Amino acid sequence: MEQGQESKVACEAYCPLCWTMRMARAAARHVAGVLPSEFWEHRAAARRESLLALRSLIDAALSRSAPAPARKATRIKVE
């Protein structure tokens, strides 16, 4: 087995995020035919809104942690 394949299998076996995503994909495939298309449209819109909300939190955190802009240098005439 190639190195990339081993790490992928190990990640799916032990990584909680990968496991959750794998289970979510399996559940989505299982219920895809059962739920109406309107549900999927609302789900996509809600996902987008959630991502925008997360982006605003990240932007706020970055603006608080960014250093203050440097002051513009003042030219002084020396005699």
PDB file of N, CA and C in Angstrom:
ATOM      1  N   MET A   1       0.849  -1.183   0.000  1.00  0.00           N
ATOM      2  CA  MET A   1       0.000   0.000   0.000  1.00  0.00           C
ATOM      3  C   MET A   1       0.889   1.240   0.000  1.00  0.00           C
ATOM      4  N   GLU A   2       0.495   2.250  -0.755  1.00  0.00           N
ATOM      5  CA  GLU A   2       1.272   3.479  -0.843  1.00  0.00           C
ATOM      6  C   GLU A   2       1.140   4.291   0.430  1.00  0.00           C
ATOM      7  N   GLN A   3       2.087   5.189   0.652  1.00  0.00           N
ATOM      8  CA  GLN A   3       2.085   6.025   1.847  1.00  0.00           C
ATOM      9  C   GLN A   3       0.809   6.847   1.962  1.00  0.00           C
ATOM     10  N   GLY A   4       0.345   7.432   0.857  1.00  0.00           N
ATOM     11  CA  GLY A   4      -0.868   8.245   0.879  1.00  0.00           C
ATOM     12  C   GLY A   4      -2.090   7.434   1.257  1.00  0.00           C
ATOM     13  N   GLN A   5      -2.160   6.210   0.776  1.00  0.00           N
ATOM     14  CA  GLN A   5      -3.287   5.341   1.100  1.00  0.00           C
ATOM     15  C   GLN A   5      -3.276   4.962   2.572  1.00  0.00           C
ATOM     16  N   GLU A   6      -2.092   4.661   3.125  1.00  0.00           N
ATOM     17  CA  GLU A   6      -1.994   4.289   4.541  1.00  0.00           C
ATOM     18  C   GLU A   6      -2.457   5.432   5.433  1.00  0.00           C
ATOM     19  N   SER A   7      -2.024   6.644   5.134  1.00  0.00           N
ATOM     20  CA  SER A   7      -2.405   7.775   5.980  1.00  0.00           C
ATOM     21  C   SER A   7      -3.895   8.060   5.869  1.00  0.00           C
ATOM     22  N   LYS A   8      -4.480   7.852   4.677  1.00  0.00           N
ATOM     23  CA  LYS A   8      -5.910   8.075   4.513  1.00  0.00           C
ATOM     24  C   LYS A   8      -6.700   7.073   5.340  1.00  0.00           C
ATOM     25  N   VAL A   9      -6.313   5.815   5.301  1.00  0.00           N
ATOM     26  CA  VAL A   9      -7.000   4.783   6.076  1.00  0.00           C
ATOM     27  C   VAL A   9      -6.829   5.050   7.564  1.00  0.00           C
ATOM     28  N   ALA A  10      -5.624   5.403   7.990  1.00  0.00           N
ATOM     29  CA  ALA A  10      -5.372   5.682   9.400  1.00  0.00           C
ATOM     30  C   ALA A  10      -6.171   6.890   9.852  1.00  0.00           C
ATOM     31  N   CYS A  11      -6.239   7.910   9.005  1.00  0.00           N
ATOM     32  CA  CYS A  11      -6.978   9.112   9.371  1.00  0.00           C
ATOM     33  C   CYS A  11      -8.457   8.787   9.547  1.00  0.00           C
ATOM     34  N   GLU A  12      -9.033   8.034   8.630  1.00  0.00           N
ATOM     35  CA  GLU A  12     -10.448   7.699   8.725  1.00  0.00           C
ATOM     36  C   GLU A  12     -10.725   6.803   9.923  1.00  0.00           C
ATOM     37  N   ALA A  13      -9.738   6.016  10.325  1.00  0.00           N
ATOM     38  CA  ALA A  13      -9.944   5.111  11.447  1.00  0.00           C
ATOM     39  C   ALA A  13      -9.839   5.824  12.797  1.00  0.00           C
ATOM     40  N   TYR A  14      -8.980   6.841  12.893  1.00  0.00           N
ATOM     41  CA  TYR A  14      -8.705   7.440  14.199  1.00  0.00           C
ATOM     42  C   TYR A  14      -9.093   8.910  14.342  1.00  0.00           C
ATOM     43  N   CYS A  15      -9.247   9.609  13.248  1.00  0.00           N
ATOM     44  CA  CYS A  15      -9.536  11.043  13.306  1.00  0.00           C
ATOM     45  C   CYS A  15     -11.036  11.263  13.506  1.00  0.00           C
ATOM     46  N   PRO A  16     -11.440  11.927  14.585  1.00  0.00           N
ATOM     47  CA  PRO A  16     -12.871  12.133  14.815  1.00  0.00           C
ATOM     48  C   PRO A  16     -13.541  12.977  13.739  1.00  0.00           C
ATOM     49  N   LEU A  17     -12.821  13.934  13.167  1.00  0.00           N
ATOM     50  CA  LEU A  17     -13.391  14.767  12.120  1.00  0.00           C
ATOM     51  C   LEU A  17     -13.654  13.938  10.859  1.00  0.00           C
ATOM     52  N   CYS A  18     -12.676  13.130  10.461  1.00  0.00           N
ATOM     53  CA  CYS A  18     -12.850  12.283   9.279  1.00  0.00           C
ATOM     54  C   CYS A  18     -13.973  11.277   9.496  1.00  0.00           C
ATOM     55  N   TRP A  19     -14.031  10.702  10.680  1.00  0.00           N
ATOM     56  CA  TRP A  19     -15.087   9.737  10.981  1.00  0.00           C
ATOM     57  C   TRP A  19     -16.459  10.398  10.901  1.00  0.00           C
ATOM     58  N   THR A  20     -16.578  11.605  11.461  1.00  0.00           N
ATOM     59  CA  THR A  20     -17.845  12.322  11.429  1.00  0.00           C
ATOM     60  C   THR A  20     -18.253  12.646   9.999  1.00  0.00           C
ATOM     61  N   MET A  21     -17.308  13.106   9.187  1.00  0.00           N
ATOM     62  CA  MET A  21     -17.608  13.417   7.797  1.00  0.00           C
ATOM     63  C   MET A  21     -18.024  12.163   7.031  1.00  0.00           C
ATOM     64  N   ARG A  22     -17.349  11.051   7.276  1.00  0.00           N
ATOM     65  CA  ARG A  22     -17.709   9.797   6.606  1.00  0.00           C
ATOM     66  C   ARG A  22     -19.126   9.383   6.987  1.00  0.00           C
ATOM     67  N   MET A  23     -19.474   9.501   8.260  1.00  0.00           N
ATOM     68  CA  MET A  23     -20.826   9.135   8.716  1.00  0.00           C
ATOM     69  C   MET A  23     -21.869  10.097   8.145  1.00  0.00           C
ATOM     70  N   ALA A  24     -21.534  11.373   8.061  1.00  0.00           N
ATOM     71  CA  ALA A  24     -22.468  12.361   7.512  1.00  0.00           C
ATOM     72  C   ALA A  24     -22.729  12.081   6.033  1.00  0.00           C
ATOM     73  N   ARG A  25     -21.671  11.738   5.278  1.00  0.00           N
ATOM     74  CA  ARG A  25     -21.856  11.412   3.865  1.00  0.00           C
ATOM     75  C   ARG A  25     -22.719  10.168   3.694  1.00  0.00           C
ATOM     76  N   ALA A  26     -22.476   9.168   4.529  1.00  0.00           N
ATOM     77  CA  ALA A  26     -23.275   7.939   4.452  1.00  0.00           C
ATOM     78  C   ALA A  26     -24.731   8.224   4.786  1.00  0.00           C
ATOM     79  N   ALA A  27     -24.984   9.034   5.794  1.00  0.00           N
ATOM     80  CA  ALA A  27     -26.355   9.381   6.163  1.00  0.00           C
ATOM     81  C   ALA A  27     -27.023  10.183   5.052  1.00  0.00           C
ATOM     82  N   ALA A  28     -26.297  11.098   4.431  1.00  0.00           N
ATOM     83  CA  ALA A  28     -26.857  11.907   3.352  1.00  0.00           C
ATOM     84  C   ALA A  28     -27.229  11.025   2.163  1.00  0.00           C
ATOM     85  N   ARG A  29     -26.377  10.065   1.830  1.00  0.00           N
ATOM     86  CA  ARG A  29     -26.707   9.152   0.735  1.00  0.00           C
ATOM     87  C   ARG A  29     -27.942   8.328   1.072  1.00  0.00           C
ATOM     88  N   HIS A  30     -28.066   7.950   2.330  1.00  0.00           N
ATOM     89  CA  HIS A  30     -29.194   7.122   2.761  1.00  0.00           C
ATOM     90  C   HIS A  30     -30.521   7.875   2.668  1.00  0.00           C
ATOM     91  N   VAL A  31     -30.542   9.138   3.035  1.00  0.00           N
ATOM     92  CA  VAL A  31     -31.798   9.887   3.082  1.00  0.00           C
ATOM     93  C   VAL A  31     -32.008  10.796   1.866  1.00  0.00           C
ATOM     94  N   ALA A  32     -31.059  10.804   0.935  1.00  0.00           N
ATOM     95  CA  ALA A  32     -31.150  11.719  -0.207  1.00  0.00           C
ATOM     96  C   ALA A  32     -32.445  11.538  -0.985  1.00  0.00           C
ATOM     97  N   GLY A  33     -32.868  10.321  -1.181  1.00  0.00           N
ATOM     98  CA  GLY A  33     -34.076  10.079  -1.950  1.00  0.00           C
ATOM     99  C   GLY A  33     -35.349  10.278  -1.154  1.00  0.00           C
ATOM    100  N   VAL A  34     -35.256  10.284   0.159  1.00  0.00           N
ATOM    101  CA  VAL A  34     -36.424  10.370   1.016  1.00  0.00           C
ATOM    102  C   VAL A  34     -36.861  11.817   1.240  1.00  0.00           C
ATOM    103  N   LEU A  35     -35.903  12.705   1.383  1.00  0.00           N
ATOM    104  CA  LEU A  35     -36.215  14.100   1.700  1.00  0.00           C
ATOM    105  C   LEU A  35     -36.516  14.892   0.431  1.00  0.00           C
ATOM    106  N   PRO A  36     -37.448  15.839   0.519  1.00  0.00           N
ATOM    107  CA  PRO A  36     -37.801  16.638  -0.664  1.00  0.00           C
ATOM    108  C   PRO A  36     -36.673  17.588  -1.071  1.00  0.00           C
ATOM    109  N   SER A  37     -36.703  17.999  -2.319  1.00  0.00           N
ATOM    110  CA  SER A  37     -35.650  18.890  -2.832  1.00  0.00           C
ATOM    111  C   SER A  37     -35.654  20.232  -2.100  1.00  0.00           C
ATOM    112  N   GLU A  38     -36.815  20.681  -1.633  1.00  0.00           N
ATOM    113  CA  GLU A  38     -36.887  21.945  -0.894  1.00  0.00           C
ATOM    114  C   GLU A  38     -36.027  21.883   0.369  1.00  0.00           C
ATOM    115  N   PHE A  39     -36.000  20.723   1.022  1.00  0.00           N
ATOM    116  CA  PHE A  39     -35.145  20.552   2.204  1.00  0.00           C
ATOM    117  C   PHE A  39     -33.689  20.797   1.844  1.00  0.00           C
ATOM    118  N   TRP A  40     -33.229  20.225   0.732  1.00  0.00           N
ATOM    119  CA  TRP A  40     -31.830  20.348   0.344  1.00  0.00           C
ATOM    120  C   TRP A  40     -31.485  21.783  -0.014  1.00  0.00           C
ATOM    121  N   GLU A  41     -32.441  22.516  -0.596  1.00  0.00           N
ATOM    122  CA  GLU A  41     -32.201  23.924  -0.898  1.00  0.00           C
ATOM    123  C   GLU A  41     -32.032  24.734   0.384  1.00  0.00           C
ATOM    124  N   HIS A  42     -32.905  24.498   1.356  1.00  0.00           N
ATOM    125  CA  HIS A  42     -32.799  25.209   2.638  1.00  0.00           C
ATOM    126  C   HIS A  42     -31.529  24.799   3.382  1.00  0.00           C
ATOM    127  N   ARG A  43     -31.181  23.539   3.280  1.00  0.00           N
ATOM    128  CA  ARG A  43     -29.962  23.052   3.940  1.00  0.00           C
ATOM    129  C   ARG A  43     -28.734  23.752   3.358  1.00  0.00           C
ATOM    130  N   ALA A  44     -28.688  23.902   2.045  1.00  0.00           N
ATOM    131  CA  ALA A  44     -27.553  24.578   1.402  1.00  0.00           C
ATOM    132  C   ALA A  44     -27.484  26.039   1.830  1.00  0.00           C
ATOM    133  N   ALA A  45     -28.644  26.702   1.899  1.00  0.00           N
ATOM    134  CA  ALA A  45     -28.673  28.108   2.320  1.00  0.00           C
ATOM    135  C   ALA A  45     -28.243  28.247   3.784  1.00  0.00           C
ATOM    136  N   ALA A  46     -28.702  27.327   4.625  1.00  0.00           N
ATOM    137  CA  ALA A  46     -28.327  27.371   6.044  1.00  0.00           C
ATOM    138  C   ALA A  46     -26.832  27.112   6.211  1.00  0.00           C
ATOM    139  N   ARG A  47     -26.285  26.211   5.416  1.00  0.00           N
ATOM    140  CA  ARG A  47     -24.840  25.927   5.490  1.00  0.00           C
ATOM    141  C   ARG A  47     -24.048  27.176   5.104  1.00  0.00           C
ATOM    142  N   ARG A  48     -24.492  27.847   4.052  1.00  0.00           N
ATOM    143  CA  ARG A  48     -23.811  29.072   3.620  1.00  0.00           C
ATOM    144  C   ARG A  48     -23.860  30.130   4.720  1.00  0.00           C
ATOM    145  N   GLU A  49     -25.021  30.307   5.336  1.00  0.00           N
ATOM    146  CA  GLU A  49     -25.160  31.284   6.413  1.00  0.00           C
ATOM    147  C   GLU A  49     -24.265  30.927   7.602  1.00  0.00           C
ATOM    148  N   SER A  50     -24.169  29.640   7.903  1.00  0.00           N
ATOM    149  CA  SER A  50     -23.303  29.209   9.002  1.00  0.00           C
ATOM    150  C   SER A  50     -21.850  29.529   8.698  1.00  0.00           C
ATOM    151  N   LEU A  51     -21.443  29.294   7.458  1.00  0.00           N
ATOM    152  CA  LEU A  51     -20.066  29.595   7.072  1.00  0.00           C
ATOM    153  C   LEU A  51     -19.793  31.099   7.112  1.00  0.00           C
ATOM    154  N   LEU A  52     -20.777  31.905   6.705  1.00  0.00           N
ATOM    155  CA  LEU A  52     -20.605  33.362   6.780  1.00  0.00           C
ATOM    156  C   LEU A  52     -20.498  33.823   8.235  1.00  0.00           C
ATOM    157  N   ALA A  53     -21.284  33.212   9.118  1.00  0.00           N
ATOM    158  CA  ALA A  53     -21.203  33.559  10.539  1.00  0.00           C
ATOM    159  C   ALA A  53     -19.834  33.183  11.097  1.00  0.00           C
ATOM    160  N   LEU A  54     -19.325  32.021  10.708  1.00  0.00           N
ATOM    161  CA  LEU A  54     -18.000  31.599  11.157  1.00  0.00           C
ATOM    162  C   LEU A  54     -16.934  32.543  10.622  1.00  0.00           C
ATOM    163  N   ARG A  55     -17.082  32.969   9.362  1.00  0.00           N
ATOM    164  CA  ARG A  55     -16.122  33.907   8.791  1.00  0.00           C
ATOM    165  C   ARG A  55     -16.107  35.212   9.574  1.00  0.00           C
ATOM    166  N   SER A  56     -17.280  35.699   9.992  1.00  0.00           N
ATOM    167  CA  SER A  56     -17.318  36.955  10.744  1.00  0.00           C
ATOM    168  C   SER A  56     -16.617  36.805  12.088  1.00  0.00           C
ATOM    169  N   LEU A  57     -16.742  35.629  12.716  1.00  0.00           N
ATOM    170  CA  LEU A  57     -16.022  35.400  13.974  1.00  0.00           C
ATOM    171  C   LEU A  57     -14.521  35.381  13.758  1.00  0.00           C
ATOM    172  N   ILE A  58     -14.089  34.744  12.687  1.00  0.00           N
ATOM    173  CA  ILE A  58     -12.654  34.684  12.379  1.00  0.00           C
ATOM    174  C   ILE A  58     -12.126  36.078  12.049  1.00  0.00           C
ATOM    175  N   ASP A  59     -12.878  36.838  11.255  1.00  0.00           N
ATOM    176  CA  ASP A  59     -12.455  38.209  10.920  1.00  0.00           C
ATOM    177  C   ASP A  59     -12.329  39.069  12.167  1.00  0.00           C
ATOM    178  N   ALA A  60     -13.282  38.937  13.091  1.00  0.00           N
ATOM    179  CA  ALA A  60     -13.232  39.717  14.327  1.00  0.00           C
ATOM    180  C   ALA A  60     -12.016  39.326  15.161  1.00  0.00           C
ATOM    181  N   ALA A  61     -11.745  38.040  15.249  1.00  0.00           N
ATOM    182  CA  ALA A  61     -10.585  37.583  16.020  1.00  0.00           C
ATOM    183  C   ALA A  61      -9.287  38.071  15.389  1.00  0.00           C
ATOM    184  N   LEU A  62      -9.219  38.041  14.067  1.00  0.00           N
ATOM    185  CA  LEU A  62      -8.015  38.523  13.388  1.00  0.00           C
ATOM    186  C   LEU A  62      -7.819  40.015  13.576  1.00  0.00           C
ATOM    187  N   SER A  63      -8.900  40.777  13.545  1.00  0.00           N
ATOM    188  CA  SER A  63      -8.753  42.226  13.707  1.00  0.00           C
ATOM    189  C   SER A  63      -8.310  42.579  15.120  1.00  0.00           C
ATOM    190  N   ARG A  64      -8.724  41.791  16.100  1.00  0.00           N
ATOM    191  CA  ARG A  64      -8.273  42.052  17.480  1.00  0.00           C
ATOM    192  C   ARG A  64      -6.821  41.648  17.684  1.00  0.00           C
ATOM    193  N   SER A  65      -6.372  40.620  16.974  1.00  0.00           N
ATOM    194  CA  SER A  65      -5.014  40.143  17.194  1.00  0.00           C
ATOM    195  C   SER A  65      -3.994  40.815  16.286  1.00  0.00           C
ATOM    196  N   ALA A  66      -4.443  41.558  15.287  1.00  0.00           N
ATOM    197  CA  ALA A  66      -3.522  42.224  14.367  1.00  0.00           C
ATOM    198  C   ALA A  66      -2.843  43.393  15.073  1.00  0.00           C
ATOM    199  N   PRO A  67      -1.563  43.579  14.819  1.00  0.00           N
ATOM    200  CA  PRO A  67      -0.877  44.722  15.443  1.00  0.00           C
ATOM    201  C   PRO A  67      -1.421  46.039  14.885  1.00  0.00           C
ATOM    202  N   ALA A  68      -1.314  47.074  15.675  1.00  0.00           N
ATOM    203  CA  ALA A  68      -1.772  48.396  15.254  1.00  0.00           C
ATOM    204  C   ALA A  68      -0.927  48.844  14.065  1.00  0.00           C
ATOM    205  N   PRO A  69      -1.520  49.539  13.123  1.00  0.00           N
ATOM    206  CA  PRO A  69      -0.747  49.990  11.969  1.00  0.00           C
ATOM    207  C   PRO A  69       0.361  50.945  12.409  1.00  0.00           C
ATOM    208  N   ALA A  70       1.499  50.824  11.758  1.00  0.00           N
ATOM    209  CA  ALA A  70       2.646  51.675  12.085  1.00  0.00           C
ATOM    210  C   ALA A  70       2.333  53.120  11.727  1.00  0.00           C
ATOM    211  N   ARG A  71       2.814  54.035  12.568  1.00  0.00           N
ATOM    212  CA  ARG A  71       2.613  55.456  12.284  1.00  0.00           C
ATOM    213  C   ARG A  71       3.524  55.866  11.142  1.00  0.00           C
ATOM    214  N   LYS A  72       3.049  56.828  10.391  1.00  0.00           N
ATOM    215  CA  LYS A  72       3.839  57.330   9.277  1.00  0.00           C
ATOM    216  C   LYS A  72       5.032  58.103   9.828  1.00  0.00           C
ATOM    217  N   ALA A  73       6.190  57.880   9.223  1.00  0.00           N
ATOM    218  CA  ALA A  73       7.409  58.563   9.662  1.00  0.00           C
ATOM    219  C   ALA A  73       7.320  60.060   9.370  1.00  0.00           C
ATOM    220  N   THR A  74       7.892  60.843  10.284  1.00  0.00           N
ATOM    221  CA  THR A  74       7.925  62.299  10.138  1.00  0.00           C
ATOM    222  C   THR A  74       9.323  62.723   9.771  1.00  0.00           C
ATOM    223  N   ARG A  75       9.430  63.501   8.719  1.00  0.00           N
ATOM    224  CA  ARG A  75      10.750  63.957   8.282  1.00  0.00           C
ATOM    225  C   ARG A  75      11.161  65.152   9.175  1.00  0.00           C
ATOM    226  N   ILE A  76      12.389  65.064   9.711  1.00  0.00           N
ATOM    227  CA  ILE A  76      12.915  66.129  10.577  1.00  0.00           C
ATOM    228  C   ILE A  76      14.132  66.731   9.880  1.00  0.00           C
ATOM    229  N   LYS A  77      14.118  68.059   9.785  1.00  0.00           N
ATOM    230  CA  LYS A  77      15.248  68.748   9.152  1.00  0.00           C
ATOM    231  C   LYS A  77      16.344  68.941  10.190  1.00  0.00           C
ATOM    232  N   VAL A  78      17.527  68.463   9.853  1.00  0.00           N
ATOM    233  CA  VAL A  78      18.675  68.578  10.750  1.00  0.00           C
ATOM    234  C   VAL A  78      19.640  69.597  10.165  1.00  0.00           C
ATOM    235  N   GLU A  79      20.105  70.531  11.003  1.00  0.00           N
ATOM    236  CA  GLU A  79      21.044  71.570  10.541  1.00  0.00           C
ATOM    237  C   GLU A  79      22.455  71.166  10.791  1.00  0.00           C
TER     238      GLU A  79
END
